[in-house]
């Protein structure tokens, strides 16, 4: 996997505008956080918010993907999927 694959679609391998936007936004926010930390002005809430946004999205996407795989395995095993209320 090359570094350029980060901004390409999985299916066709073309550049993805949404992935470019997400990458640019992440790098910009990281630069701002580094600047505040370098100038000793980084507050706890600012770092917490940055960390939550930067890591939280990835964790949420991973949970959705895992739930989808588990659901597909239940269907393959002929187990009736649980209904969420």
PDB file of N, CA and C in Angstrom:
ATOM      1  N   UNK A   1       0.855  -1.183   0.000  1.00  0.00           N
ATOM      2  CA  UNK A   1       0.000   0.000   0.000  1.00  0.00           C
ATOM      3  C   UNK A   1       0.894   1.237   0.000  1.00  0.00           C
ATOM      4  N   UNK A   2       0.652   2.083  -0.957  1.00  0.00           N
ATOM      5  CA  UNK A   2       1.417   3.321  -1.061  1.00  0.00           C
ATOM      6  C   UNK A   2       0.710   4.437  -0.293  1.00  0.00           C
ATOM      7  N   UNK A   3       1.465   5.463   0.031  1.00  0.00           N
ATOM      8  CA  UNK A   3       0.894   6.599   0.755  1.00  0.00           C
ATOM      9  C   UNK A   3      -0.198   7.280  -0.082  1.00  0.00           C
ATOM     10  N   UNK A   4      -0.052   7.271  -1.394  1.00  0.00           N
ATOM     11  CA  UNK A   4      -1.042   7.899  -2.275  1.00  0.00           C
ATOM     12  C   UNK A   4      -2.389   7.179  -2.238  1.00  0.00           C
ATOM     13  N   UNK A   5      -2.407   5.922  -1.798  1.00  0.00           N
ATOM     14  CA  UNK A   5      -3.667   5.171  -1.733  1.00  0.00           C
ATOM     15  C   UNK A   5      -4.619   5.722  -0.678  1.00  0.00           C
ATOM     16  N   UNK A   6      -4.111   6.563   0.215  1.00  0.00           N
ATOM     17  CA  UNK A   6      -4.955   7.156   1.255  1.00  0.00           C
ATOM     18  C   UNK A   6      -6.046   8.018   0.640  1.00  0.00           C
ATOM     19  N   UNK A   7      -5.766   8.646  -0.492  1.00  0.00           N
ATOM     20  CA  UNK A   7      -6.723   9.572  -1.100  1.00  0.00           C
ATOM     21  C   UNK A   7      -7.378   8.999  -2.353  1.00  0.00           C
ATOM     22  N   UNK A   8      -7.333   7.694  -2.522  1.00  0.00           N
ATOM     23  CA  UNK A   8      -7.949   7.050  -3.681  1.00  0.00           C
ATOM     24  C   UNK A   8      -9.112   6.184  -3.244  1.00  0.00           C
ATOM     25  N   UNK A   9     -10.082   6.028  -4.137  1.00  0.00           N
ATOM     26  CA  UNK A   9     -11.225   5.174  -3.870  1.00  0.00           C
ATOM     27  C   UNK A   9     -10.790   3.719  -3.837  1.00  0.00           C
ATOM     28  N   UNK A  10     -11.469   2.930  -3.043  1.00  0.00           N
ATOM     29  CA  UNK A  10     -11.114   1.527  -2.916  1.00  0.00           C
ATOM     30  C   UNK A  10     -11.471   0.757  -4.185  1.00  0.00           C
ATOM     31  N   UNK A  11     -12.637   1.027  -4.739  1.00  0.00           N
ATOM     32  CA  UNK A  11     -13.112   0.248  -5.883  1.00  0.00           C
ATOM     33  C   UNK A  11     -12.353   0.469  -7.174  1.00  0.00           C
ATOM     34  N   UNK A  12     -12.286   1.708  -7.638  1.00  0.00           N
ATOM     35  CA  UNK A  12     -11.711   1.973  -8.953  1.00  0.00           C
ATOM     36  C   UNK A  12     -10.315   2.574  -8.910  1.00  0.00           C
ATOM     37  N   UNK A  13      -9.835   2.967  -7.750  1.00  0.00           N
ATOM     38  CA  UNK A  13      -8.480   3.494  -7.623  1.00  0.00           C
ATOM     39  C   UNK A  13      -8.309   4.937  -8.069  1.00  0.00           C
ATOM     40  N   UNK A  14      -9.425   5.611  -8.353  1.00  0.00           N
ATOM     41  CA  UNK A  14      -9.349   7.024  -8.744  1.00  0.00           C
ATOM     42  C   UNK A  14      -9.268   7.894  -7.497  1.00  0.00           C
ATOM     43  N   UNK A  15      -8.792   9.113  -7.681  1.00  0.00           N
ATOM     44  CA  UNK A  15      -8.712  10.048  -6.558  1.00  0.00           C
ATOM     45  C   UNK A  15     -10.116  10.394  -6.080  1.00  0.00           C
ATOM     46  N   UNK A  16     -10.272  10.430  -4.780  1.00  0.00           N
ATOM     47  CA  UNK A  16     -11.563  10.693  -4.157  1.00  0.00           C
ATOM     48  C   UNK A  16     -11.558  12.096  -3.549  1.00  0.00           C
ATOM     49  N   UNK A  17     -12.511  12.923  -3.962  1.00  0.00           N
ATOM     50  CA  UNK A  17     -12.603  14.285  -3.448  1.00  0.00           C
ATOM     51  C   UNK A  17     -12.854  14.285  -1.943  1.00  0.00           C
ATOM     52  N   UNK A  18     -13.712  13.411  -1.460  1.00  0.00           N
ATOM     53  CA  UNK A  18     -14.002  13.388  -0.026  1.00  0.00           C
ATOM     54  C   UNK A  18     -12.779  12.971   0.781  1.00  0.00           C
ATOM     55  N   UNK A  19     -11.992  12.030   0.255  1.00  0.00           N
ATOM     56  CA  UNK A  19     -10.785  11.625   0.979  1.00  0.00           C
ATOM     57  C   UNK A  19      -9.736  12.729   0.936  1.00  0.00           C
ATOM     58  N   UNK A  20      -9.626  13.443  -0.184  1.00  0.00           N
ATOM     59  CA  UNK A  20      -8.709  14.590  -0.253  1.00  0.00           C
ATOM     60  C   UNK A  20      -9.115  15.653   0.761  1.00  0.00           C
ATOM     61  N   UNK A  21     -10.411  15.947   0.814  1.00  0.00           N
ATOM     62  CA  UNK A  21     -10.919  16.957   1.738  1.00  0.00           C
ATOM     63  C   UNK A  21     -10.637  16.552   3.181  1.00  0.00           C
ATOM     64  N   UNK A  22     -10.885  15.291   3.509  1.00  0.00           N
ATOM     65  CA  UNK A  22     -10.647  14.804   4.865  1.00  0.00           C
ATOM     66  C   UNK A  22      -9.159  14.867   5.213  1.00  0.00           C
ATOM     67  N   UNK A  23      -8.311  14.518   4.274  1.00  0.00           N
ATOM     68  CA  UNK A  23      -6.861  14.539   4.524  1.00  0.00           C
ATOM     69  C   UNK A  23      -6.355  15.960   4.724  1.00  0.00           C
ATOM     70  N   UNK A  24      -6.802  16.887   3.877  1.00  0.00           N
ATOM     71  CA  UNK A  24      -6.380  18.286   3.997  1.00  0.00           C
ATOM     72  C   UNK A  24      -6.875  18.887   5.312  1.00  0.00           C
ATOM     73  N   UNK A  25      -8.117  18.593   5.670  1.00  0.00           N
ATOM     74  CA  UNK A  25      -8.664  19.104   6.934  1.00  0.00           C
ATOM     75  C   UNK A  25      -7.900  18.537   8.124  1.00  0.00           C
ATOM     76  N   UNK A  26      -7.584  17.254   8.085  1.00  0.00           N
ATOM     77  CA  UNK A  26      -6.831  16.624   9.182  1.00  0.00           C
ATOM     78  C   UNK A  26      -5.447  17.249   9.312  1.00  0.00           C
ATOM     79  N   UNK A  27      -4.760  17.441   8.188  1.00  0.00           N
ATOM     80  CA  UNK A  27      -3.420  18.028   8.240  1.00  0.00           C
ATOM     81  C   UNK A  27      -3.461  19.485   8.708  1.00  0.00           C
ATOM     82  N   UNK A  28      -4.481  20.223   8.291  1.00  0.00           N
ATOM     83  CA  UNK A  28      -4.624  21.617   8.720  1.00  0.00           C
ATOM     84  C   UNK A  28      -4.867  21.685  10.231  1.00  0.00           C
ATOM     85  N   UNK A  29      -5.795  20.874  10.718  1.00  0.00           N
ATOM     86  CA  UNK A  29      -6.085  20.860  12.156  1.00  0.00           C
ATOM     87  C   UNK A  29      -4.871  20.408  12.957  1.00  0.00           C
ATOM     88  N   UNK A  30      -4.146  19.430  12.441  1.00  0.00           N
ATOM     89  CA  UNK A  30      -2.941  18.967  13.120  1.00  0.00           C
ATOM     90  C   UNK A  30      -1.902  20.083  13.185  1.00  0.00           C
ATOM     91  N   UNK A  31      -1.775  20.840  12.101  1.00  0.00           N
ATOM     92  CA  UNK A  31      -0.849  21.977  12.091  1.00  0.00           C
ATOM     93  C   UNK A  31      -1.233  23.029  13.112  1.00  0.00           C
ATOM     94  N   UNK A  32      -2.511  23.317  13.226  1.00  0.00           N
ATOM     95  CA  UNK A  32      -2.981  24.306  14.199  1.00  0.00           C
ATOM     96  C   UNK A  32      -2.708  23.814  15.623  1.00  0.00           C
ATOM     97  N   UNK A  33      -2.995  22.550  15.889  1.00  0.00           N
ATOM     98  CA  UNK A  33      -2.745  21.989  17.214  1.00  0.00           C
ATOM     99  C   UNK A  33      -1.251  22.037  17.545  1.00  0.00           C
ATOM    100  N   UNK A  34      -0.417  21.684  16.570  1.00  0.00           N
ATOM    101  CA  UNK A  34       1.040  21.740  16.788  1.00  0.00           C
ATOM    102  C   UNK A  34       1.502  23.171  17.056  1.00  0.00           C
ATOM    103  N   UNK A  35       0.921  24.138  16.347  1.00  0.00           N
ATOM    104  CA  UNK A  35       1.293  25.538  16.536  1.00  0.00           C
ATOM    105  C   UNK A  35       0.937  25.999  17.954  1.00  0.00           C
ATOM    106  N   UNK A  36      -0.277  25.676  18.401  1.00  0.00           N
ATOM    107  CA  UNK A  36      -0.684  26.045  19.759  1.00  0.00           C
ATOM    108  C   UNK A  36       0.195  25.355  20.801  1.00  0.00           C
ATOM    109  N   UNK A  37       0.522  24.091  20.570  1.00  0.00           N
ATOM    110  CA  UNK A  37       1.383  23.373  21.511  1.00  0.00           C
ATOM    111  C   UNK A  37       2.780  23.981  21.525  1.00  0.00           C
ATOM    112  N   UNK A  38       3.303  24.344  20.386  1.00  0.00           N
ATOM    113  CA  UNK A  38       4.631  24.941  20.298  1.00  0.00           C
ATOM    114  C   UNK A  38       4.692  26.269  21.044  1.00  0.00           C
ATOM    115  N   UNK A  39       3.604  27.054  20.962  1.00  0.00           N
ATOM    116  CA  UNK A  39       3.533  28.341  21.653  1.00  0.00           C
ATOM    117  C   UNK A  39       3.016  28.223  23.083  1.00  0.00           C
ATOM    118  N   UNK A  40       2.880  27.003  23.575  1.00  0.00           N
ATOM    119  CA  UNK A  40       2.411  26.715  24.939  1.00  0.00           C
ATOM    120  C   UNK A  40       1.037  27.325  25.233  1.00  0.00           C
ATOM    121  N   UNK A  41       0.164  27.323  24.233  1.00  0.00           N
ATOM    122  CA  UNK A  41      -1.187  27.845  24.397  1.00  0.00           C
ATOM    123  C   UNK A  41      -2.249  26.773  24.194  1.00  0.00           C
ATOM    124  N   UNK A  42      -1.830  25.524  24.082  1.00  0.00           N
ATOM    125  CA  UNK A  42      -2.777  24.434  23.842  1.00  0.00           C
ATOM    126  C   UNK A  42      -3.490  24.086  25.141  1.00  0.00           C
ATOM    127  N   UNK A  43      -4.796  24.268  25.151  1.00  0.00           N
ATOM    128  CA  UNK A  43      -5.567  23.953  26.354  1.00  0.00           C
ATOM    129  C   UNK A  43      -6.044  22.495  26.294  1.00  0.00           C
ATOM    130  N   UNK A  44      -6.469  22.011  27.449  1.00  0.00           N
ATOM    131  CA  UNK A  44      -6.926  20.620  27.531  1.00  0.00           C
ATOM    132  C   UNK A  44      -8.164  20.392  26.683  1.00  0.00           C
ATOM    133  N   UNK A  45      -9.113  21.307  26.715  1.00  0.00           N
ATOM    134  CA  UNK A  45     -10.337  21.117  25.951  1.00  0.00           C
ATOM    135  C   UNK A  45     -10.050  21.134  24.454  1.00  0.00           C
ATOM    136  N   UNK A  46      -9.091  21.955  24.025  1.00  0.00           N
ATOM    137  CA  UNK A  46      -8.760  22.020  22.604  1.00  0.00           C
ATOM    138  C   UNK A  46      -8.138  20.696  22.142  1.00  0.00           C
ATOM    139  N   UNK A  47      -7.205  20.167  22.943  1.00  0.00           N
ATOM    140  CA  UNK A  47      -6.602  18.891  22.597  1.00  0.00           C
ATOM    141  C   UNK A  47      -7.640  17.774  22.643  1.00  0.00           C
ATOM    142  N   UNK A  48      -8.489  17.788  23.652  1.00  0.00           N
ATOM    143  CA  UNK A  48      -9.533  16.766  23.765  1.00  0.00           C
ATOM    144  C   UNK A  48     -10.487  16.786  22.585  1.00  0.00           C
ATOM    145  N   UNK A  49     -10.877  17.962  22.166  1.00  0.00           N
ATOM    146  CA  UNK A  49     -11.765  18.093  21.016  1.00  0.00           C
ATOM    147  C   UNK A  49     -11.078  17.604  19.746  1.00  0.00           C
ATOM    148  N   UNK A  50      -9.827  18.003  19.558  1.00  0.00           N
ATOM    149  CA  UNK A  50      -9.059  17.550  18.386  1.00  0.00           C
ATOM    150  C   UNK A  50      -8.936  16.027  18.389  1.00  0.00           C
ATOM    151  N   UNK A  51      -8.570  15.462  19.534  1.00  0.00           N
ATOM    152  CA  UNK A  51      -8.402  14.024  19.629  1.00  0.00           C
ATOM    153  C   UNK A  51      -9.717  13.298  19.362  1.00  0.00           C
ATOM    154  N   UNK A  52     -10.800  13.822  19.916  1.00  0.00           N
ATOM    155  CA  UNK A  52     -12.104  13.203  19.701  1.00  0.00           C
ATOM    156  C   UNK A  52     -12.525  13.203  18.252  1.00  0.00           C
ATOM    157  N   UNK A  53     -12.280  14.298  17.570  1.00  0.00           N
ATOM    158  CA  UNK A  53     -12.655  14.389  16.160  1.00  0.00           C
ATOM    159  C   UNK A  53     -11.717  13.555  15.296  1.00  0.00           C
ATOM    160  N   UNK A  54     -10.422  13.625  15.568  1.00  0.00           N
ATOM    161  CA  UNK A  54      -9.445  12.915  14.745  1.00  0.00           C
ATOM    162  C   UNK A  54      -9.563  11.402  14.904  1.00  0.00           C
ATOM    163  N   UNK A  55      -9.760  10.933  16.119  1.00  0.00           N
ATOM    164  CA  UNK A  55      -9.792   9.499  16.378  1.00  0.00           C
ATOM    165  C   UNK A  55     -11.226   8.962  16.391  1.00  0.00           C
ATOM    166  N   UNK A  56     -12.152   9.779  16.857  1.00  0.00           N
ATOM    167  CA  UNK A  56     -13.531   9.323  16.990  1.00  0.00           C
ATOM    168  C   UNK A  56     -14.166   8.874  15.689  1.00  0.00           C
ATOM    169  N   UNK A  57     -13.913   9.588  14.610  1.00  0.00           N
ATOM    170  CA  UNK A  57     -14.466   9.210  13.314  1.00  0.00           C
ATOM    171  C   UNK A  57     -13.973   7.856  12.857  1.00  0.00           C
ATOM    172  N   UNK A  58     -12.692   7.601  13.045  1.00  0.00           N
ATOM    173  CA  UNK A  58     -12.134   6.309  12.650  1.00  0.00           C
ATOM    174  C   UNK A  58     -12.691   5.174  13.502  1.00  0.00           C
ATOM    175  N   UNK A  59     -12.842   5.412  14.790  1.00  0.00           N
ATOM    176  CA  UNK A  59     -13.393   4.377  15.666  1.00  0.00           C
ATOM    177  C   UNK A  59     -14.843   4.083  15.298  1.00  0.00           C
ATOM    178  N   UNK A  60     -15.611   5.121  15.014  1.00  0.00           N
ATOM    179  CA  UNK A  60     -17.006   4.938  14.623  1.00  0.00           C
ATOM    180  C   UNK A  60     -17.110   4.169  13.307  1.00  0.00           C
ATOM    181  N   UNK A  61     -16.285   4.509  12.331  1.00  0.00           N
ATOM    182  CA  UNK A  61     -16.299   3.790  11.052  1.00  0.00           C
ATOM    183  C   UNK A  61     -15.926   2.328  11.239  1.00  0.00           C
ATOM    184  N   UNK A  62     -14.950   2.055  12.096  1.00  0.00           N
ATOM    185  CA  UNK A  62     -14.545   0.671  12.351  1.00  0.00           C
ATOM    186  C   UNK A  62     -15.676  -0.104  13.006  1.00  0.00           C
ATOM    187  N   UNK A  63     -16.392   0.522  13.962  1.00  0.00           N
ATOM    188  CA  UNK A  63     -17.515  -0.150  14.614  1.00  0.00           C
ATOM    189  C   UNK A  63     -18.612  -0.479  13.616  1.00  0.00           C
ATOM    190  N   UNK A  64     -18.902   0.451  12.716  1.00  0.00           N
ATOM    191  CA  UNK A  64     -19.932   0.216  11.703  1.00  0.00           C
ATOM    192  C   UNK A  64     -19.527  -0.952  10.802  1.00  0.00           C
ATOM    193  N   UNK A  65     -18.247  -0.992  10.398  1.00  0.00           N
ATOM    194  CA  UNK A  65     -17.763  -2.070   9.535  1.00  0.00           C
ATOM    195  C   UNK A  65     -17.831  -3.421  10.251  1.00  0.00           C
ATOM    196  N   UNK A  66     -17.434  -3.457  11.528  1.00  0.00           N
ATOM    197  CA  UNK A  66     -17.469  -4.707  12.289  1.00  0.00           C
ATOM    198  C   UNK A  66     -18.901  -5.167  12.477  1.00  0.00           C
ATOM    199  N   UNK A  67     -19.812  -4.258  12.792  1.00  0.00           N
ATOM    200  CA  UNK A  67     -21.223  -4.617  12.955  1.00  0.00           C
ATOM    201  C   UNK A  67     -21.791  -5.188  11.661  1.00  0.00           C
ATOM    202  N   UNK A  68     -21.368  -4.632  10.541  1.00  0.00           N
ATOM    203  CA  UNK A  68     -21.847  -5.119   9.247  1.00  0.00           C
ATOM    204  C   UNK A  68     -21.354  -6.546   8.990  1.00  0.00           C
ATOM    205  N   UNK A  69     -20.100  -6.817   9.309  1.00  0.00           N
ATOM    206  CA  UNK A  69     -19.535  -8.158   9.118  1.00  0.00           C
ATOM    207  C   UNK A  69     -20.245  -9.165  10.024  1.00  0.00           C
ATOM    208  N   UNK A  70     -20.476  -8.787  11.277  1.00  0.00           N
ATOM    209  CA  UNK A  70     -21.170  -9.674  12.211  1.00  0.00           C
ATOM    210  C   UNK A  70     -22.578  -9.960  11.706  1.00  0.00           C
ATOM    211  N   UNK A  71     -23.249  -8.944  11.201  1.00  0.00           N
ATOM    212  CA  UNK A  71     -24.607  -9.114  10.677  1.00  0.00           C
ATOM    213  C   UNK A  71     -24.598 -10.070   9.476  1.00  0.00           C
ATOM    214  N   UNK A  72     -23.611  -9.920   8.601  1.00  0.00           N
ATOM    215  CA  UNK A  72     -23.517 -10.800   7.428  1.00  0.00           C
ATOM    216  C   UNK A  72     -23.236 -12.238   7.847  1.00  0.00           C
ATOM    217  N   UNK A  73     -22.419 -12.436   8.882  1.00  0.00           N
ATOM    218  CA  UNK A  73     -22.131 -13.783   9.359  1.00  0.00           C
ATOM    219  C   UNK A  73     -23.380 -14.424   9.945  1.00  0.00           C
ATOM    220  N   UNK A  74     -24.212 -13.630  10.634  1.00  0.00           N
ATOM    221  CA  UNK A  74     -25.463 -14.161  11.181  1.00  0.00           C
ATOM    222  C   UNK A  74     -26.384 -14.593  10.058  1.00  0.00           C
ATOM    223  N   UNK A  75     -26.427 -13.818   8.990  1.00  0.00           N
ATOM    224  CA  UNK A  75     -27.278 -14.159   7.855  1.00  0.00           C
ATOM    225  C   UNK A  75     -26.759 -15.436   7.193  1.00  0.00           C
ATOM    226  N   UNK A  76     -25.443 -15.541   7.033  1.00  0.00           N
ATOM    227  CA  UNK A  76     -24.857 -16.741   6.431  1.00  0.00           C
ATOM    228  C   UNK A  76     -25.108 -17.976   7.276  1.00  0.00           C
ATOM    229  N   UNK A  77     -25.155 -17.817   8.593  1.00  0.00           N
ATOM    230  CA  UNK A  77     -25.364 -18.941   9.489  1.00  0.00           C
ATOM    231  C   UNK A  77     -26.847 -19.200   9.745  1.00  0.00           C
ATOM    232  N   UNK A  78     -27.701 -18.480   9.057  1.00  0.00           N
ATOM    233  CA  UNK A  78     -29.156 -18.612   9.188  1.00  0.00           C
ATOM    234  C   UNK A  78     -29.644 -18.299  10.594  1.00  0.00           C
ATOM    235  N   UNK A  79     -28.966 -17.392  11.253  1.00  0.00           N
ATOM    236  CA  UNK A  79     -29.392 -16.922  12.568  1.00  0.00           C
ATOM    237  C   UNK A  79     -30.165 -15.632  12.342  1.00  0.00           C
ATOM    238  N   UNK A  80     -31.301 -15.543  12.967  1.00  0.00           N
ATOM    239  CA  UNK A  80     -32.094 -14.333  12.771  1.00  0.00           C
ATOM    240  C   UNK A  80     -31.385 -13.145  13.427  1.00  0.00           C
ATOM    241  N   UNK A  81     -31.130 -12.075  12.644  1.00  0.00           N
ATOM    242  CA  UNK A  81     -30.446 -10.904  13.202  1.00  0.00           C
ATOM    243  C   UNK A  81     -31.292 -10.218  14.275  1.00  0.00           C
ATOM    244  N   UNK A  82     -30.592  -9.618  15.254  1.00  0.00           N
ATOM    245  CA  UNK A  82     -31.286  -8.891  16.319  1.00  0.00           C
ATOM    246  C   UNK A  82     -31.827  -7.587  15.758  1.00  0.00           C
ATOM    247  N   UNK A  83     -32.973  -7.214  16.186  1.00  0.00           N
ATOM    248  CA  UNK A  83     -33.587  -5.963  15.767  1.00  0.00           C
ATOM    249  C   UNK A  83     -33.233  -4.893  16.787  1.00  0.00           C
ATOM    250  N   UNK A  84     -32.730  -3.737  16.307  1.00  0.00           N
ATOM    251  CA  UNK A  84     -32.443  -2.649  17.240  1.00  0.00           C
ATOM    252  C   UNK A  84     -33.673  -1.801  17.419  1.00  0.00           C
ATOM    253  N   UNK A  85     -33.903  -1.381  18.650  1.00  0.00           N
ATOM    254  CA  UNK A  85     -35.116  -0.618  18.965  1.00  0.00           C
ATOM    255  C   UNK A  85     -34.891   0.852  18.786  1.00  0.00           C
TER     256      UNK A  85
END
